Amino acid sequence: MSCGKPIGHLWQEFKERTSKGEDSKKVLDELGLERYCCRAMFLGQVDTLELVNKFKKF
């Protein structure tokens, strides 16, 4: 469920700031993500790149 607003460019900053211990709500507010669909995309995201890289076929 998404409104279609482009938010991918904000992911790296969100990830860095929350990993440093900042509150997720505060970071989302400062990034300008007010809609519940945008906030849900960030809060529900799971980084699986490292896991997927273990199973390279080439």
PDB file of N, CA and C in Angstrom:
ATOM      1  N   MET A   1       0.846  -1.172   0.000  1.00  0.00           N
ATOM      2  CA  MET A   1       0.000   0.000   0.000  1.00  0.00           C
ATOM      3  C   MET A   1       0.888   1.230   0.000  1.00  0.00           C
ATOM      4  N   SER A   2       0.784   2.038  -0.997  1.00  0.00           N
ATOM      5  CA  SER A   2       1.614   3.231  -1.093  1.00  0.00           C
ATOM      6  C   SER A   2       0.874   4.305  -1.882  1.00  0.00           C
ATOM      7  N   CYS A   3       1.205   5.542  -1.580  1.00  0.00           N
ATOM      8  CA  CYS A   3       0.602   6.664  -2.305  1.00  0.00           C
ATOM      9  C   CYS A   3       1.387   6.988  -3.572  1.00  0.00           C
ATOM     10  N   GLY A   4       2.570   6.421  -3.731  1.00  0.00           N
ATOM     11  CA  GLY A   4       3.372   6.641  -4.914  1.00  0.00           C
ATOM     12  C   GLY A   4       4.411   7.745  -4.771  1.00  0.00           C
ATOM     13  N   LYS A   5       4.512   8.342  -3.604  1.00  0.00           N
ATOM     14  CA  LYS A   5       5.500   9.394  -3.383  1.00  0.00           C
ATOM     15  C   LYS A   5       6.903   8.783  -3.417  1.00  0.00           C
ATOM     16  N   PRO A   6       7.836   9.389  -4.163  1.00  0.00           N
ATOM     17  CA  PRO A   6       9.201   8.857  -4.192  1.00  0.00           C
ATOM     18  C   PRO A   6       9.908   9.103  -2.857  1.00  0.00           C
ATOM     19  N   ILE A   7      10.335   8.040  -2.212  1.00  0.00           N
ATOM     20  CA  ILE A   7      10.972   8.164  -0.899  1.00  0.00           C
ATOM     21  C   ILE A   7      12.297   7.408  -0.812  1.00  0.00           C
ATOM     22  N   GLY A   8      12.676   6.707  -1.856  1.00  0.00           N
ATOM     23  CA  GLY A   8      13.882   5.886  -1.825  1.00  0.00           C
ATOM     24  C   GLY A   8      15.149   6.655  -1.519  1.00  0.00           C
ATOM     25  N   HIS A   9      15.219   7.907  -1.948  1.00  0.00           N
ATOM     26  CA  HIS A   9      16.424   8.712  -1.729  1.00  0.00           C
ATOM     27  C   HIS A   9      16.616   9.073  -0.257  1.00  0.00           C
ATOM     28  N   LEU A  10      15.596   8.891   0.571  1.00  0.00           N
ATOM     29  CA  LEU A  10      15.678   9.218   1.990  1.00  0.00           C
ATOM     30  C   LEU A  10      16.095   8.030   2.853  1.00  0.00           C
ATOM     31  N   TRP A  11      16.113   6.841   2.282  1.00  0.00           N
ATOM     32  CA  TRP A  11      16.361   5.623   3.057  1.00  0.00           C
ATOM     33  C   TRP A  11      17.725   5.625   3.732  1.00  0.00           C
ATOM     34  N   GLN A  12      18.783   6.000   2.997  1.00  0.00           N
ATOM     35  CA  GLN A  12      20.134   5.946   3.552  1.00  0.00           C
ATOM     36  C   GLN A  12      20.274   6.849   4.777  1.00  0.00           C
ATOM     37  N   GLU A  13      19.752   8.064   4.684  1.00  0.00           N
ATOM     38  CA  GLU A  13      19.820   8.985   5.824  1.00  0.00           C
ATOM     39  C   GLU A  13      19.025   8.449   7.004  1.00  0.00           C
ATOM     40  N   PHE A  14      17.844   7.897   6.747  1.00  0.00           N
ATOM     41  CA  PHE A  14      17.033   7.311   7.816  1.00  0.00           C
ATOM     42  C   PHE A  14      17.780   6.173   8.497  1.00  0.00           C
ATOM     43  N   LYS A  15      18.372   5.316   7.711  1.00  0.00           N
ATOM     44  CA  LYS A  15      19.094   4.160   8.240  1.00  0.00           C
ATOM     45  C   LYS A  15      20.286   4.595   9.092  1.00  0.00           C
ATOM     46  N   GLU A  16      21.040   5.561   8.605  1.00  0.00           N
ATOM     47  CA  GLU A  16      22.213   6.046   9.349  1.00  0.00           C
ATOM     48  C   GLU A  16      21.818   6.687  10.670  1.00  0.00           C
ATOM     49  N   ARG A  17      20.807   7.535  10.624  1.00  0.00           N
ATOM     50  CA  ARG A  17      20.409   8.259  11.832  1.00  0.00           C
ATOM     51  C   ARG A  17      19.788   7.345  12.880  1.00  0.00           C
ATOM     52  N   THR A  18      18.984   6.377  12.465  1.00  0.00           N
ATOM     53  CA  THR A  18      18.377   5.475  13.444  1.00  0.00           C
ATOM     54  C   THR A  18      19.406   4.498  14.004  1.00  0.00           C
ATOM     55  N   SER A  19      20.408   4.133  13.217  1.00  0.00           N
ATOM     56  CA  SER A  19      21.443   3.234  13.733  1.00  0.00           C
ATOM     57  C   SER A  19      22.319   3.932  14.768  1.00  0.00           C
ATOM     58  N   LYS A  20      22.371   5.271  14.711  1.00  0.00           N
ATOM     59  CA  LYS A  20      23.122   6.043  15.706  1.00  0.00           C
ATOM     60  C   LYS A  20      22.327   6.240  16.989  1.00  0.00           C
ATOM     61  N   GLY A  21      21.055   5.817  16.987  1.00  0.00           N
ATOM     62  CA  GLY A  21      20.249   5.880  18.197  1.00  0.00           C
ATOM     63  C   GLY A  21      19.172   6.943  18.215  1.00  0.00           C
ATOM     64  N   GLU A  22      19.004   7.676  17.123  1.00  0.00           N
ATOM     65  CA  GLU A  22      17.940   8.687  17.092  1.00  0.00           C
ATOM     66  C   GLU A  22      16.576   8.011  17.035  1.00  0.00           C
ATOM     67  N   ASP A  23      15.583   8.690  17.561  1.00  0.00           N
ATOM     68  CA  ASP A  23      14.213   8.180  17.573  1.00  0.00           C
ATOM     69  C   ASP A  23      13.647   8.152  16.153  1.00  0.00           C
ATOM     70  N   SER A  24      13.053   7.037  15.764  1.00  0.00           N
ATOM     71  CA  SER A  24      12.499   6.868  14.416  1.00  0.00           C
ATOM     72  C   SER A  24      11.451   7.923  14.098  1.00  0.00           C
ATOM     73  N   LYS A  25      10.591   8.214  15.051  1.00  0.00           N
ATOM     74  CA  LYS A  25       9.535   9.198  14.827  1.00  0.00           C
ATOM     75  C   LYS A  25      10.123  10.564  14.508  1.00  0.00           C
ATOM     76  N   LYS A  26      11.118  10.969  15.257  1.00  0.00           N
ATOM     77  CA  LYS A  26      11.747  12.267  15.055  1.00  0.00           C
ATOM     78  C   LYS A  26      12.406  12.341  13.672  1.00  0.00           C
ATOM     79  N   VAL A  27      13.109  11.276  13.296  1.00  0.00           N
ATOM     80  CA  VAL A  27      13.799  11.246  12.004  1.00  0.00           C
ATOM     81  C   VAL A  27      12.793  11.311  10.867  1.00  0.00           C
ATOM     82  N   LEU A  28      11.709  10.550  10.947  1.00  0.00           N
ATOM     83  CA  LEU A  28      10.691  10.563   9.907  1.00  0.00           C
ATOM     84  C   LEU A  28      10.048  11.941   9.785  1.00  0.00           C
ATOM     85  N   ASP A  29       9.796  12.572  10.913  1.00  0.00           N
ATOM     86  CA  ASP A  29       9.219  13.927  10.892  1.00  0.00           C
ATOM     87  C   ASP A  29      10.166  14.911  10.216  1.00  0.00           C
ATOM     88  N   GLU A  30      11.451  14.835  10.538  1.00  0.00           N
ATOM     89  CA  GLU A  30      12.429  15.766   9.972  1.00  0.00           C
ATOM     90  C   GLU A  30      12.669  15.514   8.484  1.00  0.00           C
ATOM     91  N   LEU A  31      12.493  14.274   8.038  1.00  0.00           N
ATOM     92  CA  LEU A  31      12.644  13.966   6.619  1.00  0.00           C
ATOM     93  C   LEU A  31      11.413  14.365   5.816  1.00  0.00           C
ATOM     94  N   GLY A  32      10.351  14.740   6.503  1.00  0.00           N
ATOM     95  CA  GLY A  32       9.140  15.203   5.827  1.00  0.00           C
ATOM     96  C   GLY A  32       8.188  14.079   5.452  1.00  0.00           C
ATOM     97  N   LEU A  33       8.332  12.929   6.081  1.00  0.00           N
ATOM     98  CA  LEU A  33       7.443  11.801   5.808  1.00  0.00           C
ATOM     99  C   LEU A  33       6.284  11.851   6.799  1.00  0.00           C
ATOM    100  N   GLU A  34       5.162  12.388   6.344  1.00  0.00           N
ATOM    101  CA  GLU A  34       4.008  12.579   7.221  1.00  0.00           C
ATOM    102  C   GLU A  34       2.925  11.541   6.993  1.00  0.00           C
ATOM    103  N   ARG A  35       2.805  11.037   5.776  1.00  0.00           N
ATOM    104  CA  ARG A  35       1.743  10.081   5.466  1.00  0.00           C
ATOM    105  C   ARG A  35       2.058   8.719   6.072  1.00  0.00           C
ATOM    106  N   TYR A  36       1.018   8.032   6.515  1.00  0.00           N
ATOM    107  CA  TYR A  36       1.219   6.739   7.161  1.00  0.00           C
ATOM    108  C   TYR A  36       1.789   5.697   6.205  1.00  0.00           C
ATOM    109  N   CYS A  37       1.491   5.827   4.899  1.00  0.00           N
ATOM    110  CA  CYS A  37       2.006   4.841   3.950  1.00  0.00           C
ATOM    111  C   CYS A  37       3.521   4.986   3.786  1.00  0.00           C
ATOM    112  N   CYS A  38       4.022   6.205   3.769  1.00  0.00           N
ATOM    113  CA  CYS A  38       5.464   6.434   3.653  1.00  0.00           C
ATOM    114  C   CYS A  38       6.184   5.978   4.918  1.00  0.00           C
ATOM    115  N   ARG A  39       5.608   6.279   6.045  1.00  0.00           N
ATOM    116  CA  ARG A  39       6.215   5.892   7.316  1.00  0.00           C
ATOM    117  C   ARG A  39       6.242   4.371   7.452  1.00  0.00           C
ATOM    118  N   ALA A  40       5.183   3.717   7.012  1.00  0.00           N
ATOM    119  CA  ALA A  40       5.114   2.257   7.099  1.00  0.00           C
ATOM    120  C   ALA A  40       6.168   1.602   6.215  1.00  0.00           C
ATOM    121  N   MET A  41       6.436   2.199   5.048  1.00  0.00           N
ATOM    122  CA  MET A  41       7.467   1.668   4.154  1.00  0.00           C
ATOM    123  C   MET A  41       8.825   1.651   4.845  1.00  0.00           C
ATOM    124  N   PHE A  42       9.152   2.713   5.556  1.00  0.00           N
ATOM    125  CA  PHE A  42      10.449   2.800   6.223  1.00  0.00           C
ATOM    126  C   PHE A  42      10.500   1.922   7.469  1.00  0.00           C
ATOM    127  N   LEU A  43       9.449   1.930   8.252  1.00  0.00           N
ATOM    128  CA  LEU A  43       9.458   1.159   9.494  1.00  0.00           C
ATOM    129  C   LEU A  43       9.359  -0.341   9.250  1.00  0.00           C
ATOM    130  N   GLY A  44       8.773  -0.726   8.120  1.00  0.00           N
ATOM    131  CA  GLY A  44       8.620  -2.144   7.822  1.00  0.00           C
ATOM    132  C   GLY A  44       9.714  -2.717   6.944  1.00  0.00           C
ATOM    133  N   GLN A  45      10.658  -1.887   6.526  1.00  0.00           N
ATOM    134  CA  GLN A  45      11.741  -2.329   5.638  1.00  0.00           C
ATOM    135  C   GLN A  45      12.730  -3.228   6.384  1.00  0.00           C
ATOM    136  N   VAL A  46      13.126  -4.321   5.740  1.00  0.00           N
ATOM    137  CA  VAL A  46      14.142  -5.215   6.286  1.00  0.00           C
ATOM    138  C   VAL A  46      15.245  -5.334   5.242  1.00  0.00           C
ATOM    139  N   ASP A  47      16.462  -4.994   5.628  1.00  0.00           N
ATOM    140  CA  ASP A  47      17.589  -5.093   4.706  1.00  0.00           C
ATOM    141  C   ASP A  47      18.007  -6.559   4.576  1.00  0.00           C
ATOM    142  N   THR A  48      17.823  -7.122   3.395  1.00  0.00           N
ATOM    143  CA  THR A  48      18.165  -8.530   3.177  1.00  0.00           C
ATOM    144  C   THR A  48      19.297  -8.703   2.177  1.00  0.00           C
ATOM    145  N   LEU A  49      19.944  -7.620   1.787  1.00  0.00           N
ATOM    146  CA  LEU A  49      20.988  -7.695   0.776  1.00  0.00           C
ATOM    147  C   LEU A  49      22.124  -8.628   1.195  1.00  0.00           C
ATOM    148  N   GLU A  50      22.571  -8.545   2.439  1.00  0.00           N
ATOM    149  CA  GLU A  50      23.660  -9.402   2.896  1.00  0.00           C
ATOM    150  C   GLU A  50      23.253 -10.875   2.848  1.00  0.00           C
ATOM    151  N   LEU A  51      22.029 -11.170   3.211  1.00  0.00           N
ATOM    152  CA  LEU A  51      21.532 -12.539   3.181  1.00  0.00           C
ATOM    153  C   LEU A  51      21.448 -13.063   1.748  1.00  0.00           C
ATOM    154  N   VAL A  52      20.940 -12.261   0.845  1.00  0.00           N
ATOM    155  CA  VAL A  52      20.789 -12.668  -0.550  1.00  0.00           C
ATOM    156  C   VAL A  52      22.157 -12.854  -1.208  1.00  0.00           C
ATOM    157  N   ASN A  53      23.129 -12.043  -0.835  1.00  0.00           N
ATOM    158  CA  ASN A  53      24.467 -12.140  -1.429  1.00  0.00           C
ATOM    159  C   ASN A  53      25.140 -13.484  -1.155  1.00  0.00           C
ATOM    160  N   LYS A  54      24.735 -14.175  -0.117  1.00  0.00           N
ATOM    161  CA  LYS A  54      25.328 -15.483   0.202  1.00  0.00           C
ATOM    162  C   LYS A  54      24.972 -16.531  -0.862  1.00  0.00           C
ATOM    163  N   PHE A  55      23.918 -16.290  -1.623  1.00  0.00           N
ATOM    164  CA  PHE A  55      23.415 -17.263  -2.562  1.00  0.00           C
ATOM    165  C   PHE A  55      23.617 -16.852  -4.014  1.00  0.00           C
ATOM    166  N   LYS A  56      24.740 -16.217  -4.307  1.00  0.00           N
ATOM    167  CA  LYS A  56      25.035 -15.815  -5.690  1.00  0.00           C
ATOM    168  C   LYS A  56      25.160 -17.037  -6.576  1.00  0.00           C
ATOM    169  N   LYS A  57      24.687 -16.930  -7.800  1.00  0.00           N
ATOM    170  CA  LYS A  57      24.770 -18.049  -8.753  1.00  0.00           C
ATOM    171  C   LYS A  57      25.984 -17.951  -9.640  1.00  0.00           C
ATOM    172  N   PHE A  58      26.650 -16.814  -9.680  1.00  0.00           N
ATOM    173  CA  PHE A  58      27.779 -16.674 -10.581  1.00  0.00           C
ATOM    174  C   PHE A  58      29.059 -16.485  -9.860  1.00  0.00           C
TER     175      PHE A  58
END
